[in-house]
């Protein structure tokens, strides 16, 4: 049949139904608990965008904790790599939007990046991939989507995989918890089965 998109209104929020059992919501605007309570039939998986950007400072440990507490099915986050090869969690290639100094991450060492503090909360720092992976191990059932931007060098994929195994040397564990978000087809050859 023909694909028809039906606009819905759910508790005053926009949603689209595609006629084939899928409902797409602007999840940033919704409280995760509202979505989970209504859709217990697993028709919708809730993905915390940049952890829980809609309510908390994106890609921070606070946002990860709140997304977990809200029972998000998947927590999406973004990876960048410093000039000395440390994988960090930040959406942008630079730091000026969230952090207290505007640096291009790939041009600076982790030591330099680690000194940055959040503009809106000086207690927050940019997490490393290793910190997020340790957090995953401590939080049963968490699934993470690692959005790896095409602006990174491809070495970020094997570095990410090596970091996973250094935190917990169990491929099956990571296969059940990690979703790879890759932007270019030629990156798939580096994917982990």
Protein backbone atom coordinates (compact mmCIF):
# COMPACT_ATOMS: atom_id res chain seq x y z
CA UNK A 1 0.00 0.00 0.00
CA UNK A 2 0.71 3.63 -0.11
CA UNK A 3 2.75 5.20 2.69
CA UNK A 4 0.59 7.78 4.38
CA UNK A 5 1.93 9.88 7.20
CA UNK A 6 -0.68 10.85 9.73
CA UNK A 7 -0.01 13.80 12.00
CA UNK A 8 -0.93 13.11 15.59
CA UNK A 9 -1.06 15.20 18.68
CA UNK A 10 0.04 13.45 21.86
CA UNK A 11 -0.36 15.44 25.09
CA UNK A 12 0.12 18.61 23.08
CA UNK A 13 3.27 17.32 21.33
CA UNK A 14 3.72 16.59 17.63
CA UNK A 15 3.99 13.03 16.41
CA UNK A 16 3.78 11.28 13.06
CA UNK A 17 2.27 7.83 12.44
CA UNK A 18 3.42 6.09 9.27
CA UNK A 19 0.49 3.67 9.01
CA UNK A 20 2.71 0.60 9.54
CA UNK A 21 2.94 0.51 13.31
CA UNK A 22 5.67 3.11 13.78
CA UNK A 23 5.19 6.36 15.61
CA UNK A 24 7.89 8.99 15.35
CA UNK A 25 8.05 11.60 18.08
CA UNK A 26 10.20 14.67 18.68
CA UNK A 27 11.59 12.98 21.78
CA UNK A 28 13.62 15.95 22.92
CA UNK A 29 10.37 17.71 23.69
CA UNK A 30 8.75 14.89 25.64
CA UNK A 31 9.27 13.66 29.14
CA UNK A 32 10.62 10.10 28.77
CA UNK A 33 8.29 8.88 31.53
CA UNK A 34 5.23 10.06 29.59
CA UNK A 35 6.26 8.13 26.49
CA UNK A 36 7.15 4.95 28.40
CA UNK A 37 3.88 4.94 30.35
CA UNK A 38 1.72 5.29 27.23
CA UNK A 39 3.63 2.95 24.92
CA UNK A 40 4.31 -0.12 27.03
CA UNK A 41 3.75 -2.32 23.95
CA UNK A 42 7.23 -1.42 22.67
CA UNK A 43 5.79 0.31 19.64
CA UNK A 44 8.23 3.12 20.37
CA UNK A 45 11.78 2.92 21.63
CA UNK A 46 12.83 6.04 23.49
CA UNK A 47 16.23 7.39 22.51
CA UNK A 48 17.80 10.00 24.72
CA UNK A 49 19.31 12.46 22.25
CA UNK A 50 22.79 13.56 23.37
CA UNK A 51 21.90 11.69 26.55
CA UNK A 52 18.98 13.90 27.69
CA UNK A 53 19.58 17.19 25.87
CA UNK A 54 15.98 18.32 26.17
CA UNK A 55 16.30 18.77 29.93
CA UNK A 56 20.01 18.73 30.84
CA UNK A 57 23.35 19.90 29.45
CA UNK A 58 23.98 17.58 26.52
CA UNK A 59 26.45 14.69 26.63
CA UNK A 60 27.35 15.22 30.29
CA UNK A 61 27.35 12.57 32.99
CA UNK A 62 24.32 14.30 34.55
CA UNK A 63 22.41 13.93 31.28
CA UNK A 64 23.38 10.22 31.09
CA UNK A 65 22.19 9.60 34.66
CA UNK A 66 18.88 11.38 34.05
CA UNK A 67 18.26 9.50 30.79
CA UNK A 68 18.90 6.24 32.64
CA UNK A 69 16.59 7.23 35.51
CA UNK A 70 13.91 8.12 32.94
CA UNK A 71 14.27 4.57 31.55
CA UNK A 72 15.41 5.61 28.10
CA UNK A 73 15.74 2.52 25.89
CA UNK A 74 18.78 3.89 24.06
CA UNK A 75 21.07 6.76 24.94
CA UNK A 76 22.60 8.44 21.91
CA UNK A 77 25.89 10.27 22.24
CA UNK A 78 28.60 11.71 20.02
CA UNK A 79 32.30 10.95 19.79
CA UNK A 80 35.24 13.15 18.86
CA UNK A 81 38.97 12.45 19.11
CA UNK A 82 41.73 14.67 20.51
CA UNK A 83 45.04 15.24 18.72
CA UNK A 84 46.70 12.65 20.99
CA UNK A 85 44.04 10.02 20.24
CA UNK A 86 41.77 10.18 23.29
CA UNK A 87 38.11 9.63 22.39
CA UNK A 88 35.84 12.14 24.12
CA UNK A 89 32.08 12.74 24.19
CA UNK A 90 31.02 15.95 22.45
CA UNK A 91 28.61 16.64 19.62
CA UNK A 92 30.50 19.44 17.92
CA UNK A 93 34.01 19.33 16.48
CA UNK A 94 34.70 22.41 18.57
CA UNK A 95 33.95 23.27 22.16
CA UNK A 96 32.63 26.84 22.11
CA UNK A 97 28.90 26.15 22.32
CA UNK A 98 28.97 24.20 25.61
CA UNK A 99 32.42 24.61 27.13
CA UNK A 100 34.26 27.63 28.53
CA UNK A 101 36.86 27.89 25.77
CA UNK A 102 36.43 27.51 22.00
CA UNK A 103 38.86 24.82 20.81
CA UNK A 104 38.83 22.53 17.78
CA UNK A 105 39.00 19.14 19.55
CA UNK A 106 41.13 17.36 16.92
CA UNK A 107 43.78 20.07 17.21
CA UNK A 108 44.22 19.83 20.98
CA UNK A 109 45.50 17.23 23.42
CA UNK A 110 43.33 15.55 25.97
CA UNK A 111 45.19 17.42 28.72
CA UNK A 112 43.98 20.69 27.17
CA UNK A 113 40.43 19.44 26.61
CA UNK A 114 40.18 18.01 30.13
CA UNK A 115 40.68 21.49 31.61
CA UNK A 116 37.49 22.79 29.99
CA UNK A 117 34.40 23.32 32.13
CA UNK A 118 30.80 23.74 31.13
CA UNK A 119 29.73 27.37 30.65
CA UNK A 120 26.46 26.77 32.53
CA UNK A 121 27.84 24.55 35.31
CA UNK A 122 31.53 24.76 36.16
CA UNK A 123 31.37 21.40 37.98
CA UNK A 124 30.85 19.59 34.66
CA UNK A 125 33.64 18.48 32.36
CA UNK A 126 33.65 16.77 28.99
CA UNK A 127 33.45 12.98 29.53
CA UNK A 128 35.81 10.55 27.86
CA UNK A 129 34.58 7.48 26.05
CA UNK A 130 36.24 5.38 28.77
CA UNK A 131 34.17 7.13 31.46
CA UNK A 132 30.96 6.47 29.51
CA UNK A 133 31.87 2.81 28.97
CA UNK A 134 32.63 2.37 32.68
CA UNK A 135 29.26 3.96 33.40
CA UNK A 136 27.58 1.47 31.04
CA UNK A 137 29.13 -1.46 32.93
CA UNK A 138 27.71 -0.04 36.19
CA UNK A 139 24.20 0.46 34.75
CA UNK A 140 22.51 -2.81 33.76
CA UNK A 141 20.45 -2.84 30.61
CA UNK A 142 21.78 0.42 29.16
CA UNK A 143 22.12 0.57 25.39
CA UNK A 144 24.19 3.33 23.85
CA UNK A 145 24.28 4.64 20.30
CA UNK A 146 27.74 5.96 19.53
CA UNK A 147 27.31 8.59 16.85
CA UNK A 148 30.71 8.81 15.21
CA UNK A 149 30.90 11.92 13.09
CA UNK A 150 32.52 11.76 9.65
CA UNK A 151 34.80 14.60 10.73
CA UNK A 152 36.78 12.09 12.82
CA UNK A 153 39.72 10.11 11.50
CA UNK A 154 38.70 6.48 10.90
CA UNK A 155 41.12 5.40 13.61
CA UNK A 156 38.40 6.47 16.08
CA UNK A 157 36.57 3.17 15.41
CA UNK A 158 39.38 0.76 16.38
CA UNK A 159 40.28 3.07 19.29
CA UNK A 160 36.66 2.91 20.48
CA UNK A 161 36.63 -0.87 20.17
CA UNK A 162 39.97 -1.20 22.02
CA UNK A 163 38.65 1.05 24.79
CA UNK A 164 35.56 -1.15 25.13
CA UNK A 165 37.69 -4.27 25.54
CA UNK A 166 40.00 -2.53 28.01
CA UNK A 167 36.99 -1.67 30.20
CA UNK A 168 35.34 -5.08 29.89
CA UNK A 169 36.94 -7.79 27.79
CA UNK A 170 33.66 -9.32 26.66
CA UNK A 171 32.64 -8.83 23.02
CA UNK A 172 29.13 -10.24 23.60
CA UNK A 173 28.54 -7.71 26.40
CA UNK A 174 29.36 -4.81 24.05
CA UNK A 175 27.43 -6.27 21.11
CA UNK A 176 24.32 -6.25 23.28
CA UNK A 177 24.82 -2.65 24.42
CA UNK A 178 26.46 -0.66 21.63
CA UNK A 179 24.77 0.64 18.49
CA UNK A 180 27.13 2.24 15.99
CA UNK A 181 26.00 5.45 14.31
CA UNK A 182 28.14 5.83 11.20
CA UNK A 183 27.67 8.60 8.67
CA UNK A 184 29.49 7.27 5.63
CA UNK A 185 29.25 3.90 3.89
CA UNK A 186 33.00 3.42 3.60
CA UNK A 187 33.19 3.43 7.43
CA UNK A 188 31.20 0.19 7.61
CA UNK A 189 34.28 -1.85 6.68
CA UNK A 190 35.63 -0.82 10.09
CA UNK A 191 32.48 -1.87 11.93
CA UNK A 192 32.58 -4.54 14.60
CA UNK A 193 30.41 -7.63 14.23
